[in-house]
C-alpha atoms as a PDB file:
ATOM      1  CA  MET A   1     -84.024  47.228   3.833  1.00  0.00           C
ATOM      2  CA  LEU A   2     -81.842  50.291   4.397  1.00  0.00           C
ATOM      3  CA  PRO A   3     -80.953  51.020   8.053  1.00  0.00           C
ATOM      4  CA  LEU A   4     -82.539  53.908   9.907  1.00  0.00           C
ATOM      5  CA  ARG A   5     -79.129  55.545  10.371  1.00  0.00           C
ATOM      6  CA  TRP A   6     -78.829  55.818   6.592  1.00  0.00           C
ATOM      7  CA  PHE A   7     -82.014  57.869   6.496  1.00  0.00           C
ATOM      8  CA  CYS A   8     -80.759  60.080   9.331  1.00  0.00           C
ATOM      9  CA  ASP A   9     -77.509  60.704   7.429  1.00  0.00           C
ATOM     10  CA  THR A  10     -79.507  61.505   4.324  1.00  0.00           C
ATOM     11  CA  GLN A  11     -81.638  63.934   6.278  1.00  0.00           C
ATOM     12  CA  LYS A  12     -78.502  65.763   7.409  1.00  0.00           C
ATOM     13  CA  ARG A  13     -77.427  66.063   3.783  1.00  0.00           C
ATOM     14  CA  LEU A  14     -80.831  67.356   2.878  1.00  0.00           C
ATOM     15  CA  LEU A  15     -80.663  70.044   5.523  1.00  0.00           C
ATOM     16  CA  ARG A  16     -77.521  71.368   3.854  1.00  0.00           C
ATOM     17  CA  ALA A  17     -79.748  72.241   0.937  1.00  0.00           C
ATOM     18  CA  ARG A  18     -80.936  75.297   2.847  1.00  0.00           C
ATOM     19  CA  SER A  19     -78.452  77.288   0.731  1.00  0.00           C
ATOM     20  CA  ILE A  20     -80.854  76.734  -2.149  1.00  0.00           C
ATOM     21  CA  ILE A  21     -83.782  78.065  -0.157  1.00  0.00           C
ATOM     22  CA  THR A  22     -81.893  81.171   0.936  1.00  0.00           C
ATOM     23  CA  THR A  23     -81.754  82.237  -2.716  1.00  0.00           C
ATOM     24  CA  LEU A  24     -85.542  82.276  -3.025  1.00  0.00           C
ATOM     25  CA  SER A  25     -87.056  85.648  -3.704  1.00  0.00           C
ATOM     26  CA  GLN A  26     -89.574  85.239  -0.899  1.00  0.00           C
ATOM     27  CA  ILE A  27     -86.842  85.160   1.733  1.00  0.00           C
ATOM     28  CA  ARG A  28     -84.991  88.096   0.231  1.00  0.00           C
ATOM     29  CA  HIS A  29     -88.206  90.075   0.016  1.00  0.00           C
ATOM     30  CA  LYS A  30     -89.216  89.354   3.599  1.00  0.00           C
ATOM     31  CA  LEU A  31     -85.799  90.093   5.022  1.00  0.00           C
ATOM     32  CA  ALA A  32     -85.576  93.326   3.026  1.00  0.00           C
ATOM     33  CA  HIS A  33     -89.029  94.249   4.257  1.00  0.00           C
ATOM     34  CA  PHE A  34     -88.110  93.651   7.886  1.00  0.00           C
ATOM     35  CA  THR A  35     -84.814  95.516   7.456  1.00  0.00           C
ATOM     36  CA  THR A  36     -86.531  98.577   6.016  1.00  0.00           C
ATOM     37  CA  ILE A  37     -89.062  98.680   8.832  1.00  0.00           C
ATOM     38  CA  PHE A  38     -86.469  98.458  11.556  1.00  0.00           C
ATOM     39  CA  GLU A  39     -84.149 101.019   9.916  1.00  0.00           C
ATOM     40  CA  TYR A  40     -86.922 103.563  10.171  1.00  0.00           C
ATOM     41  CA  THR A  41     -88.210 102.634  13.615  1.00  0.00           C
ATOM     42  CA  MET A  42     -85.101 101.964  15.626  1.00  0.00           C
ATOM     43  CA  SER A  43     -82.529 104.433  16.896  1.00  0.00           C
ATOM     44  CA  LEU A  44     -78.807 104.312  16.240  1.00  0.00           C
ATOM     45  CA  GLU A  45     -78.200 103.194  19.825  1.00  0.00           C
ATOM     46  CA  SER A  46     -80.088  99.961  19.110  1.00  0.00           C
ATOM     47  CA  VAL A  47     -78.093  98.835  16.074  1.00  0.00           C
ATOM     48  CA  GLN A  48     -76.904  95.747  17.917  1.00  0.00           C
ATOM     49  CA  GLN A  49     -80.472  94.838  18.887  1.00  0.00           C
ATOM     50  CA  HIS A  50     -81.498  95.477  15.283  1.00  0.00           C
ATOM     51  CA  GLU A  51     -78.924  93.040  13.929  1.00  0.00           C
ATOM     52  CA  ASP A  52     -79.837  90.448  16.535  1.00  0.00           C
ATOM     53  CA  LEU A  53     -83.516  90.732  15.647  1.00  0.00           C
ATOM     54  CA  ILE A  54     -82.796  90.384  11.929  1.00  0.00           C
ATOM     55  CA  ARG A  55     -80.746  87.273  12.705  1.00  0.00           C
ATOM     56  CA  ARG A  56     -83.621  85.796  14.688  1.00  0.00           C
ATOM     57  CA  ILE A  57     -86.078  86.572  11.917  1.00  0.00           C
ATOM     58  CA  ARG A  58     -83.789  84.907   9.385  1.00  0.00           C
ATOM     59  CA  GLU A  59     -83.448  81.816  11.574  1.00  0.00           C
ATOM     60  CA  ASP A  60     -87.210  81.649  12.058  1.00  0.00           C
ATOM     61  CA  LEU A  61     -87.814  81.828   8.311  1.00  0.00           C
ATOM     62  CA  MET A  62     -85.183  79.183   7.635  1.00  0.00           C
ATOM     63  CA  ASP A  63     -86.718  76.893  10.250  1.00  0.00           C
ATOM     64  CA  SER A  64     -90.086  77.307   8.559  1.00  0.00           C
ATOM     65  CA  TYR A  65     -88.678  76.393   5.163  1.00  0.00           C
ATOM     66  CA  ASP A  66     -86.646  73.536   6.598  1.00  0.00           C
ATOM     67  CA  GLU A  67     -89.950  71.995   7.608  1.00  0.00           C
ATOM     68  CA  GLU A  68     -90.806  71.797   3.925  1.00  0.00           C
ATOM     69  CA  LEU A  69     -87.443  70.134   3.255  1.00  0.00           C
ATOM     70  CA  GLU A  70     -88.132  67.572   5.965  1.00  0.00           C
ATOM     71  CA  MET A  71     -91.496  66.814   4.386  1.00  0.00           C
ATOM     72  CA  GLU A  72     -89.794  66.395   1.037  1.00  0.00           C
ATOM     73  CA  LEU A  73     -87.421  63.828   2.562  1.00  0.00           C
ATOM     74  CA  GLU A  74     -90.437  61.826   3.696  1.00  0.00           C
ATOM     75  CA  ASP A  75     -91.861  61.807   0.166  1.00  0.00           C
ATOM     76  CA  ARG A  76     -88.776  60.931  -1.837  1.00  0.00           C
ATOM     77  CA  SER A  77     -88.280  57.451  -3.260  1.00  0.00           C
ATOM     78  CA  MET A  78     -85.333  55.153  -2.707  1.00  0.00           C
ATOM     79  CA  ALA A  79     -83.826  56.062  -6.075  1.00  0.00           C
ATOM     80  CA  GLU A  80     -84.089  59.798  -5.368  1.00  0.00           C
ATOM     81  CA  LEU A  81     -82.558  59.433  -1.911  1.00  0.00           C
ATOM     82  CA  THR A  82     -79.688  57.385  -3.300  1.00  0.00           C
ATOM     83  CA  ALA A  83     -79.057  59.996  -5.974  1.00  0.00           C
ATOM     84  CA  ALA A  84     -79.136  62.781  -3.377  1.00  0.00           C
ATOM     85  CA  ALA A  85     -76.711  60.913  -1.149  1.00  0.00           C
ATOM     86  CA  SER A  86     -74.225  60.529  -3.988  1.00  0.00           C
ATOM     87  CA  GLY A  87     -74.559  64.144  -5.079  1.00  0.00           C
ATOM     88  CA  VAL A  88     -76.163  63.257  -8.425  1.00  0.00           C
ATOM     89  CA  ARG A  89     -78.410  66.146  -9.471  1.00  0.00           C
ATOM     90  CA  THR A  90     -78.422  67.876 -12.846  1.00  0.00           C
ATOM     91  CA  ASP A  91     -78.776  71.614 -13.418  1.00  0.00           C
ATOM     92  CA  THR A  92     -82.249  70.957 -14.806  1.00  0.00           C
ATOM     93  CA  GLU A  93     -83.254  69.079 -11.653  1.00  0.00           C
ATOM     94  CA  ARG A  94     -81.897  71.817  -9.413  1.00  0.00           C
ATOM     95  CA  THR A  95     -83.742  74.476 -11.389  1.00  0.00           C
ATOM     96  CA  ALA A  96     -86.995  72.510 -11.307  1.00  0.00           C
ATOM     97  CA  ARG A  97     -86.663  71.969  -7.566  1.00  0.00           C
ATOM     98  CA  ARG A  98     -86.021  75.666  -6.944  1.00  0.00           C
ATOM     99  CA  GLN A  99     -89.014  76.620  -9.101  1.00  0.00           C
ATOM    100  CA  TYR A 100     -91.185  74.125  -7.215  1.00  0.00           C
ATOM    101  CA  PHE A 101     -90.360  75.695  -3.848  1.00  0.00           C
ATOM    102  CA  GLN A 102     -90.842  79.211  -5.185  1.00  0.00           C
ATOM    103  CA  GLU A 103     -94.280  78.388  -6.557  1.00  0.00           C
ATOM    104  CA  LEU A 104     -95.285  76.361  -3.498  1.00  0.00           C
ATOM    105  CA  PHE A 105     -94.447  79.232  -1.137  1.00  0.00           C
ATOM    106  CA  ARG A 106     -96.325  81.675  -3.391  1.00  0.00           C
ATOM    107  CA  LEU A 107     -99.418  79.454  -3.426  1.00  0.00           C
ATOM    108  CA  GLN A 108     -99.235  78.946   0.334  1.00  0.00           C
ATOM    109  CA  GLY A 109     -99.203  82.722   0.682  1.00  0.00           C
ATOM    110  CA  GLU A 110    -102.419  82.824  -1.343  1.00  0.00           C
ATOM    111  CA  LEU A 111    -103.897  80.122   0.914  1.00  0.00           C
ATOM    112  CA  VAL A 112    -103.293  82.392   3.898  1.00  0.00           C
ATOM    113  CA  LYS A 113    -105.199  85.152   2.088  1.00  0.00           C
ATOM    114  CA  LEU A 114    -107.969  82.659   1.350  1.00  0.00           C
ATOM    115  CA  GLN A 115    -108.091  81.687   5.016  1.00  0.00           C
ATOM    116  CA  ASP A 116    -108.425  85.334   6.103  1.00  0.00           C
ATOM    117  CA  TRP A 117    -111.239  85.859   3.597  1.00  0.00           C
ATOM    118  CA  VAL A 118    -113.074  82.716   4.749  1.00  0.00           C
ATOM    119  CA  VAL A 119    -112.976  83.963   8.337  1.00  0.00           C
ATOM    120  CA  ARG A 120    -114.048  87.498   7.408  1.00  0.00           C
ATOM    121  CA  SER A 121    -116.842  86.412   5.049  1.00  0.00           C
ATOM    122  CA  ARG A 122    -117.941  83.479   7.276  1.00  0.00           C
ATOM    123  CA  HIS A 123    -117.721  81.193   4.266  1.00  0.00           C
ATOM    124  CA  LYS A 124    -117.931  77.403   4.760  1.00  0.00           C
ATOM    125  CA  VAL A 125    -115.758  75.067   2.694  1.00  0.00           C
ATOM    126  CA  VAL A 126    -115.520  71.267   2.516  1.00  0.00           C
ATOM    127  CA  ILE A 127    -112.802  69.665   0.383  1.00  0.00           C
ATOM    128  CA  LEU A 128    -112.850  65.917  -0.251  1.00  0.00           C
ATOM    129  CA  PHE A 129    -109.658  64.064  -1.179  1.00  0.00           C
ATOM    130  CA  GLU A 130    -110.185  60.644  -2.707  1.00  0.00           C
ATOM    131  CA  GLY A 131    -108.010  58.419  -4.869  1.00  0.00           C
ATOM    132  CA  ARG A 132    -105.879  55.327  -5.061  1.00  0.00           C
ATOM    133  CA  ASP A 133    -103.723  54.297  -2.133  1.00  0.00           C
ATOM    134  CA  ALA A 134    -100.367  56.121  -2.300  1.00  0.00           C
ATOM    135  CA  ALA A 135    -101.751  58.593  -4.857  1.00  0.00           C
ATOM    136  CA  GLY A 136    -100.441  61.592  -2.897  1.00  0.00           C
ATOM    137  CA  LYS A 137    -103.576  62.823  -1.124  1.00  0.00           C
ATOM    138  CA  GLY A 138    -101.821  63.180   2.225  1.00  0.00           C
ATOM    139  CA  GLY A 139     -98.938  65.145   0.742  1.00  0.00           C
ATOM    140  CA  VAL A 140    -101.282  67.705  -0.806  1.00  0.00           C
ATOM    141  CA  ILE A 141    -103.273  68.029   2.417  1.00  0.00           C
ATOM    142  CA  LYS A 142    -100.038  68.667   4.340  1.00  0.00           C
ATOM    143  CA  ARG A 143     -98.993  71.447   1.961  1.00  0.00           C
ATOM    144  CA  ILE A 144    -102.427  73.079   2.066  1.00  0.00           C
ATOM    145  CA  THR A 145    -102.663  73.133   5.856  1.00  0.00           C
ATOM    146  CA  GLN A 146     -98.961  73.619   6.618  1.00  0.00           C
ATOM    147  CA  ARG A 147     -99.134  77.401   7.101  1.00  0.00           C
ATOM    148  CA  LEU A 148    -102.821  77.779   7.978  1.00  0.00           C
ATOM    149  CA  ASN A 149    -104.494  78.241  11.343  1.00  0.00           C
ATOM    150  CA  PRO A 150    -105.629  74.781  12.551  1.00  0.00           C
ATOM    151  CA  ARG A 151    -108.640  76.442  14.175  1.00  0.00           C
ATOM    152  CA  VAL A 152    -109.768  77.579  10.733  1.00  0.00           C
ATOM    153  CA  ALA A 153    -108.551  74.793   8.441  1.00  0.00           C
ATOM    154  CA  ARG A 154    -108.711  71.300   9.929  1.00  0.00           C
ATOM    155  CA  VAL A 155    -108.386  67.774   8.612  1.00  0.00           C
ATOM    156  CA  ALA A 156    -110.979  65.048   9.139  1.00  0.00           C
ATOM    157  CA  ALA A 157    -109.505  61.571   8.689  1.00  0.00           C
ATOM    158  CA  LEU A 158    -112.009  59.135  10.137  1.00  0.00           C
ATOM    159  CA  PRO A 159    -111.031  55.576  11.108  1.00  0.00           C
ATOM    160  CA  ALA A 160    -113.129  52.548  10.203  1.00  0.00           C
ATOM    161  CA  PRO A 161    -116.617  52.771  11.771  1.00  0.00           C
ATOM    162  CA  ASN A 162    -117.107  51.058  15.115  1.00  0.00           C
ATOM    163  CA  ASP A 163    -119.994  48.742  15.971  1.00  0.00           C
ATOM    164  CA  ARG A 164    -122.243  51.599  17.072  1.00  0.00           C
ATOM    165  CA  GLU A 165    -121.504  53.722  13.994  1.00  0.00           C
ATOM    166  CA  ARG A 166    -122.355  50.819  11.715  1.00  0.00           C
ATOM    167  CA  THR A 167    -125.943  51.001  13.000  1.00  0.00           C
ATOM    168  CA  GLN A 168    -126.261  54.750  12.295  1.00  0.00           C
ATOM    169  CA  TRP A 169    -127.407  56.533   9.161  1.00  0.00           C
ATOM    170  CA  TYR A 170    -124.395  56.139   6.879  1.00  0.00           C
ATOM    171  CA  PHE A 171    -123.632  59.881   6.646  1.00  0.00           C
ATOM    172  CA  GLN A 172    -124.170  60.557  10.343  1.00  0.00           C
ATOM    173  CA  ARG A 173    -120.585  60.248  11.513  1.00  0.00           C
ATOM    174  CA  TYR A 174    -119.405  62.653   8.821  1.00  0.00           C
ATOM    175  CA  VAL A 175    -121.958  65.360   9.629  1.00  0.00           C
ATOM    176  CA  SER A 176    -120.364  66.225  12.980  1.00  0.00           C
ATOM    177  CA  HIS A 177    -117.155  67.186  11.134  1.00  0.00           C
ATOM    178  CA  LEU A 178    -118.806  69.665   8.760  1.00  0.00           C
ATOM    179  CA  PRO A 179    -117.653  73.289   9.076  1.00  0.00           C
ATOM    180  CA  ALA A 180    -119.292  76.165  10.881  1.00  0.00           C
ATOM    181  CA  ALA A 181    -119.098  79.683   9.467  1.00  0.00           C
ATOM    182  CA  GLY A 182    -115.523  80.754   8.782  1.00  0.00           C
ATOM    183  CA  GLU A 183    -114.083  77.223   8.646  1.00  0.00           C
ATOM    184  CA  ILE A 184    -112.461  74.921   6.081  1.00  0.00           C
ATOM    185  CA  VAL A 185    -112.583  71.146   6.515  1.00  0.00           C
ATOM    186  CA  LEU A 186    -110.418  68.810   4.457  1.00  0.00           C
ATOM    187  CA  PHE A 187    -111.626  65.196   4.407  1.00  0.00           C
ATOM    188  CA  ASP A 188    -108.794  62.706   3.933  1.00  0.00           C
ATOM    189  CA  ARG A 189    -111.177  60.147   2.443  1.00  0.00           C
ATOM    190  CA  SER A 190    -114.851  60.636   3.047  1.00  0.00           C
ATOM    191  CA  TRP A 191    -118.333  59.179   2.671  1.00  0.00           C
ATOM    192  CA  TYR A 192    -117.165  57.891  -0.729  1.00  0.00           C
ATOM    193  CA  ASN A 193    -115.579  54.954   1.079  1.00  0.00           C
ATOM    194  CA  ARG A 194    -118.863  53.187   0.437  1.00  0.00           C
ATOM    195  CA  ALA A 195    -118.479  53.544  -3.323  1.00  0.00           C
ATOM    196  CA  GLY A 196    -114.857  52.409  -3.230  1.00  0.00           C
ATOM    197  CA  VAL A 197    -113.235  50.244  -0.584  1.00  0.00           C
ATOM    198  CA  GLU A 198    -116.506  49.062   0.980  1.00  0.00           C
ATOM    199  CA  ARG A 199    -117.863  47.966  -2.389  1.00  0.00           C
ATOM    200  CA  VAL A 200    -114.663  46.275  -3.570  1.00  0.00           C
ATOM    201  CA  MET A 201    -113.896  44.546  -0.256  1.00  0.00           C
ATOM    202  CA  GLY A 202    -117.486  43.465   0.367  1.00  0.00           C
ATOM    203  CA  PHE A 203    -118.025  45.602   3.486  1.00  0.00           C
ATOM    204  CA  CYS A 204    -121.483  46.663   2.251  1.00  0.00           C
ATOM    205  CA  ASN A 205    -124.220  44.728   0.485  1.00  0.00           C
ATOM    206  CA  ASP A 206    -125.867  45.572  -2.827  1.00  0.00           C
ATOM    207  CA  ALA A 207    -128.851  47.286  -1.176  1.00  0.00           C
ATOM    208  CA  GLU A 208    -126.588  49.558   0.917  1.00  0.00           C
ATOM    209  CA  TYR A 209    -124.495  50.316  -2.148  1.00  0.00           C
ATOM    210  CA  GLU A 210    -127.500  51.390  -4.220  1.00  0.00           C
ATOM    211  CA  GLU A 211    -128.968  53.381  -1.350  1.00  0.00           C
ATOM    212  CA  PHE A 212    -125.710  55.304  -1.142  1.00  0.00           C
ATOM    213  CA  PHE A 213    -126.004  56.401  -4.765  1.00  0.00           C
ATOM    214  CA  ARG A 214    -129.634  57.411  -4.255  1.00  0.00           C
ATOM    215  CA  THR A 215    -128.773  59.439  -1.161  1.00  0.00           C
ATOM    216  CA  VAL A 216    -125.421  61.067  -1.860  1.00  0.00           C
ATOM    217  CA  PRO A 217    -126.582  63.506  -4.576  1.00  0.00           C
ATOM    218  CA  GLU A 218    -129.365  64.762  -2.328  1.00  0.00           C
ATOM    219  CA  PHE A 219    -127.037  64.889   0.672  1.00  0.00           C
ATOM    220  CA  GLU A 220    -124.537  67.024  -1.225  1.00  0.00           C
ATOM    221  CA  LYS A 221    -127.295  69.279  -2.591  1.00  0.00           C
ATOM    222  CA  MET A 222    -128.424  69.797   1.014  1.00  0.00           C
ATOM    223  CA  LEU A 223    -124.890  70.852   1.926  1.00  0.00           C
ATOM    224  CA  ALA A 224    -124.859  73.335  -0.948  1.00  0.00           C
ATOM    225  CA  ARG A 225    -128.240  74.786   0.050  1.00  0.00           C
ATOM    226  CA  SER A 226    -126.987  75.210   3.623  1.00  0.00           C
ATOM    227  CA  GLY A 227    -124.157  77.424   2.353  1.00  0.00           C
ATOM    228  CA  ILE A 228    -121.329  74.867   2.307  1.00  0.00           C
ATOM    229  CA  GLN A 229    -119.094  74.933  -0.758  1.00  0.00           C
ATOM    230  CA  LEU A 230    -118.154  71.336  -1.572  1.00  0.00           C
ATOM    231  CA  ILE A 231    -115.085  70.616  -3.713  1.00  0.00           C
ATOM    232  CA  LYS A 232    -114.223  66.995  -4.597  1.00  0.00           C
ATOM    233  CA  TYR A 233    -110.810  65.793  -5.836  1.00  0.00           C
ATOM    234  CA  TRP A 234    -109.829  62.383  -7.153  1.00  0.00           C
ATOM    235  CA  PHE A 235    -106.077  61.684  -7.307  1.00  0.00           C
ATOM    236  CA  SER A 236    -105.169  59.409 -10.178  1.00  0.00           C
ATOM    237  CA  ILE A 237    -101.937  57.438 -10.602  1.00  0.00           C
ATOM    238  CA  THR A 238    -100.874  54.614 -12.869  1.00  0.00           C
ATOM    239  CA  ASP A 239    -100.569  50.973 -11.922  1.00  0.00           C
ATOM    240  CA  GLU A 240     -96.779  51.196 -12.318  1.00  0.00           C
ATOM    241  CA  GLU A 241     -96.487  54.295 -10.129  1.00  0.00           C
ATOM    242  CA  GLN A 242     -98.520  52.784  -7.302  1.00  0.00           C
ATOM    243  CA  HIS A 243     -96.386  49.644  -7.487  1.00  0.00           C
ATOM    244  CA  SER A 244     -93.226  51.748  -7.204  1.00  0.00           C
ATOM    245  CA  ARG A 245     -94.546  53.752  -4.235  1.00  0.00           C
ATOM    246  CA  PHE A 246     -95.625  50.630  -2.393  1.00  0.00           C
ATOM    247  CA  LEU A 247     -92.151  49.159  -2.832  1.00  0.00           C
ATOM    248  CA  GLY A 248     -90.698  52.382  -1.478  1.00  0.00           C
ATOM    249  CA  ARG A 249     -92.875  52.083   1.622  1.00  0.00           C
ATOM    250  CA  ILE A 250     -91.947  48.436   2.126  1.00  0.00           C
ATOM    251  CA  HIS A 251     -88.217  49.203   2.126  1.00  0.00           C
ATOM    252  CA  ASP A 252     -88.391  52.492   4.036  1.00  0.00           C
ATOM    253  CA  PRO A 253     -88.642  52.018   7.842  1.00  0.00           C
ATOM    254  CA  LEU A 254     -89.985  55.586   8.178  1.00  0.00           C
ATOM    255  CA  LYS A 255     -92.928  54.824   5.895  1.00  0.00           C
ATOM    256  CA  GLN A 256     -93.883  51.249   6.688  1.00  0.00           C
ATOM    257  CA  TRP A 257     -96.670  52.436   9.007  1.00  0.00           C
ATOM    258  CA  LYS A 258     -98.453  53.762   5.910  1.00  0.00           C
ATOM    259  CA  LEU A 259     -98.937  50.236   4.570  1.00  0.00           C
ATOM    260  CA  SER A 260    -102.024  48.363   5.734  1.00  0.00           C
ATOM    261  CA  PRO A 261    -103.377  44.933   4.746  1.00  0.00           C
ATOM    262  CA  MET A 262    -106.070  46.835   2.831  1.00  0.00           C
ATOM    263  CA  ASP A 263    -103.398  48.669   0.835  1.00  0.00           C
ATOM    264  CA  LEU A 264    -101.747  45.405  -0.149  1.00  0.00           C
ATOM    265  CA  GLU A 265    -105.092  43.916  -1.143  1.00  0.00           C
ATOM    266  CA  SER A 266    -105.764  46.930  -3.368  1.00  0.00           C
ATOM    267  CA  ARG A 267    -102.862  45.837  -5.570  1.00  0.00           C
ATOM    268  CA  VAL A 268    -104.562  42.501  -6.177  1.00  0.00           C
ATOM    269  CA  ARG A 269    -107.905  44.191  -6.919  1.00  0.00           C
ATOM    270  CA  TRP A 270    -106.629  47.052  -9.085  1.00  0.00           C
ATOM    271  CA  GLU A 271    -109.213  46.464 -11.823  1.00  0.00           C
ATOM    272  CA  ASP A 272    -112.069  46.159  -9.320  1.00  0.00           C
ATOM    273  CA  TYR A 273    -111.127  49.522  -7.847  1.00  0.00           C
ATOM    274  CA  THR A 274    -110.966  50.998 -11.354  1.00  0.00           C
ATOM    275  CA  LYS A 275    -114.505  49.841 -12.120  1.00  0.00           C
ATOM    276  CA  ALA A 276    -115.773  51.130  -8.770  1.00  0.00           C
ATOM    277  CA  LYS A 277    -114.133  54.512  -9.391  1.00  0.00           C
ATOM    278  CA  GLU A 278    -115.667  54.836 -12.858  1.00  0.00           C
ATOM    279  CA  ILE A 279    -119.150  54.070 -11.525  1.00  0.00           C
ATOM    280  CA  MET A 280    -118.698  56.496  -8.622  1.00  0.00           C
ATOM    281  CA  LEU A 281    -117.583  59.390 -10.823  1.00  0.00           C
ATOM    282  CA  ASP A 282    -120.408  58.773 -13.287  1.00  0.00           C
ATOM    283  CA  ARG A 283    -123.171  58.623 -10.676  1.00  0.00           C
ATOM    284  CA  THR A 284    -122.050  61.384  -8.306  1.00  0.00           C
ATOM    285  CA  HIS A 285    -120.748  64.116 -10.627  1.00  0.00           C
ATOM    286  CA  ILE A 286    -123.417  66.792 -10.121  1.00  0.00           C
ATOM    287  CA  PRO A 287    -123.417  70.564 -10.783  1.00  0.00           C
ATOM    288  CA  GLU A 288    -123.569  71.338  -7.062  1.00  0.00           C
ATOM    289  CA  ALA A 289    -120.525  69.146  -6.329  1.00  0.00           C
ATOM    290  CA  ARG A 290    -118.369  68.335  -9.324  1.00  0.00           C
ATOM    291  CA  TRP A 291    -115.478  65.908  -9.342  1.00  0.00           C
ATOM    292  CA  TRP A 292    -112.025  67.193 -10.302  1.00  0.00           C
ATOM    293  CA  ILE A 293    -109.295  64.745 -11.404  1.00  0.00           C
ATOM    294  CA  VAL A 294    -105.708  65.431 -10.320  1.00  0.00           C
ATOM    295  CA  GLN A 295    -102.982  63.611 -12.237  1.00  0.00           C
ATOM    296  CA  GLY A 296    -100.769  62.380  -9.401  1.00  0.00           C
ATOM    297  CA  VAL A 297     -97.816  60.566 -10.988  1.00  0.00           C
ATOM    298  CA  ASP A 298     -95.631  63.650 -10.525  1.00  0.00           C
ATOM    299  CA  LYS A 299     -96.123  64.438  -6.818  1.00  0.00           C
ATOM    300  CA  LYS A 300     -94.772  67.976  -6.906  1.00  0.00           C
ATOM    301  CA  ALA A 301     -96.782  68.935  -9.977  1.00  0.00           C
ATOM    302  CA  ALA A 302     -99.904  67.373  -8.456  1.00  0.00           C
ATOM    303  CA  ARG A 303     -99.528  69.476  -5.306  1.00  0.00           C
ATOM    304  CA  LEU A 304     -99.093  72.711  -7.221  1.00  0.00           C
ATOM    305  CA  ASN A 305    -101.893  71.924  -9.671  1.00  0.00           C
ATOM    306  CA  CYS A 306    -104.342  71.009  -6.920  1.00  0.00           C
ATOM    307  CA  ILE A 307    -103.610  74.051  -4.749  1.00  0.00           C
ATOM    308  CA  HIS A 308    -103.748  76.388  -7.761  1.00  0.00           C
ATOM    309  CA  HIS A 309    -107.078  74.890  -8.848  1.00  0.00           C
ATOM    310  CA  LEU A 310    -108.483  75.066  -5.324  1.00  0.00           C
ATOM    311  CA  LEU A 311    -107.693  78.773  -5.120  1.00  0.00           C
ATOM    312  CA  GLU A 312    -109.572  79.307  -8.393  1.00  0.00           C
ATOM    313  CA  GLN A 313    -112.733  77.666  -7.017  1.00  0.00           C
ATOM    314  CA  ILE A 314    -113.259  80.147  -4.173  1.00  0.00           C
ATOM    315  CA  PRO A 315    -113.937  83.853  -4.890  1.00  0.00           C
ATOM    316  CA  TYR A 316    -111.598  85.135  -2.201  1.00  0.00           C
ATOM    317  CA  GLU A 317    -109.845  88.478  -2.066  1.00  0.00           C
ATOM    318  CA  GLU A 318    -107.107  89.843   0.146  1.00  0.00           C
ATOM    319  CA  VAL A 319    -108.399  91.134   3.461  1.00  0.00           C
ATOM    320  CA  GLN A 320    -106.755  94.334   4.590  1.00  0.00           C
ATOM    321  CA  GLN A 321    -105.486  93.858   8.124  1.00  0.00           C
ATOM    322  CA  GLU A 322    -104.965  96.611  10.644  1.00  0.00           C
ATOM    323  CA  ALA A 323    -101.353  97.288  11.536  1.00  0.00           C
ATOM    324  CA  ILE A 324    -100.322  95.303  14.588  1.00  0.00           C
ATOM    325  CA  GLN A 325     -98.655  97.205  17.409  1.00  0.00           C
ATOM    326  CA  LEU A 326     -96.719  95.167  19.944  1.00  0.00           C
ATOM    327  CA  PRO A 327     -97.516  96.549  23.402  1.00  0.00           C
ATOM    328  CA  ALA A 328     -94.684  97.179  25.841  1.00  0.00           C
ATOM    329  CA  ARG A 329     -94.278  94.625  28.576  1.00  0.00           C
ATOM    330  CA  VAL A 330     -95.450  95.717  32.002  1.00  0.00           C
ATOM    331  CA  ARG A 331     -92.697  95.359  34.591  1.00  0.00           C
ATOM    332  CA  ASN A 332     -93.542  95.372  38.292  1.00  0.00           C
ATOM    333  CA  GLU A 333     -90.742  96.137  40.734  1.00  0.00           C
ATOM    334  CA  ASP A 334     -92.124  93.758  43.313  1.00  0.00           C
ATOM    335  CA  TYR A 335     -92.204  90.786  40.897  1.00  0.00           C
ATOM    336  CA  ILE A 336     -89.512  88.160  41.460  1.00  0.00           C
ATOM    337  CA  ARG A 337     -89.319  85.207  39.122  1.00  0.00           C
ATOM    338  CA  GLN A 338     -89.255  81.934  41.038  1.00  0.00           C
ATOM    339  CA  PRO A 339     -86.482  79.456  40.167  1.00  0.00           C
ATOM    340  CA  VAL A 340     -87.408  76.242  38.372  1.00  0.00           C
ATOM    341  CA  SER A 341     -86.386  72.959  39.930  1.00  0.00           C
ATOM    342  CA  PRO A 342     -83.570  71.293  37.940  1.00  0.00           C
ATOM    343  CA  GLU A 343     -85.565  68.062  38.067  1.00  0.00           C
ATOM    344  CA  MET A 344     -88.177  69.645  35.810  1.00  0.00           C
ATOM    345  CA  ILE A 345     -85.752  70.732  33.080  1.00  0.00           C
ATOM    346  CA  VAL A 346     -85.536  68.687  29.899  1.00  0.00           C
ATOM    347  CA  PRO A 347     -81.857  67.735  29.360  1.00  0.00           C
ATOM    348  CA  GLU A 348     -80.209  69.802  26.577  1.00  0.00           C
ATOM    349  CA  ARG A 349     -78.628  67.056  24.512  1.00  0.00           C
ATOM    350  CA  TYR A 350     -78.526  68.986  21.218  1.00  0.00           C
END
């Protein structure tokens, strides 16, 4: 197992890659946009303030994009990290990486437009993410929600049912997470647990299993009739790719928390899960809630393909926003800011 310090050193190297991001057209466009605005709105006496503000804007943008780099570090395999540490990267790899970021940022911009339209139109959206363990569901969910308002787009990732929930109607604990008007809910696994892990691991009996298949089409038709748009994704990876990703998690101290005894057991029961998946897709693929298969072996391609497809499923359009005017701060002569006790200050160690 590689030491944690090795990963920290690698992260530092990764952060140096911000020079790549600064060449992206999105950054140049935004900075040019801000520069133009301030050149027209600020007087010559405030040139210094202008430059300082542009610097702050640049730093804020870079911090935002660095977050994406940090997420990439989390997703990279041992072989990729080793190659990055030794400086091994071909021109083709660099070009592909730059194109990935450019397209990801463009799609995330469209997701923001989608979010604004959902709020304005009071649309209701539910997106289910199902698939093999380590298929990349979480990575896609992160990229979808990364730049969205968490009050509009939220993730529902339910733990195993407790004793009380096991006595409820099977769908009951999911219903409370459904969206109201103007909301998007992304389920990181969903009521399809019954057709997958519960069936394979013996957590439900045959009668409960069959009742699920009788109920779920009607349940999803009810959601559609209530005005909820339901979109279902299955992330598919190969046996070899899952094996490789599990090994990466075993040897990476930053990812070991992702491995559960259930994940390890899924390797043993690969064929059982395959049969359960095939039955589930066949019996629950209905016009009101179709299944969509995402090929997940290439993580970056899977993210872009899924987000692009998602945007195509919702008839959104850009919402014209009123220009925002920042009001001047009110200053009262009799206001005196009280000093903060040094004991309350977080030590500045960085």
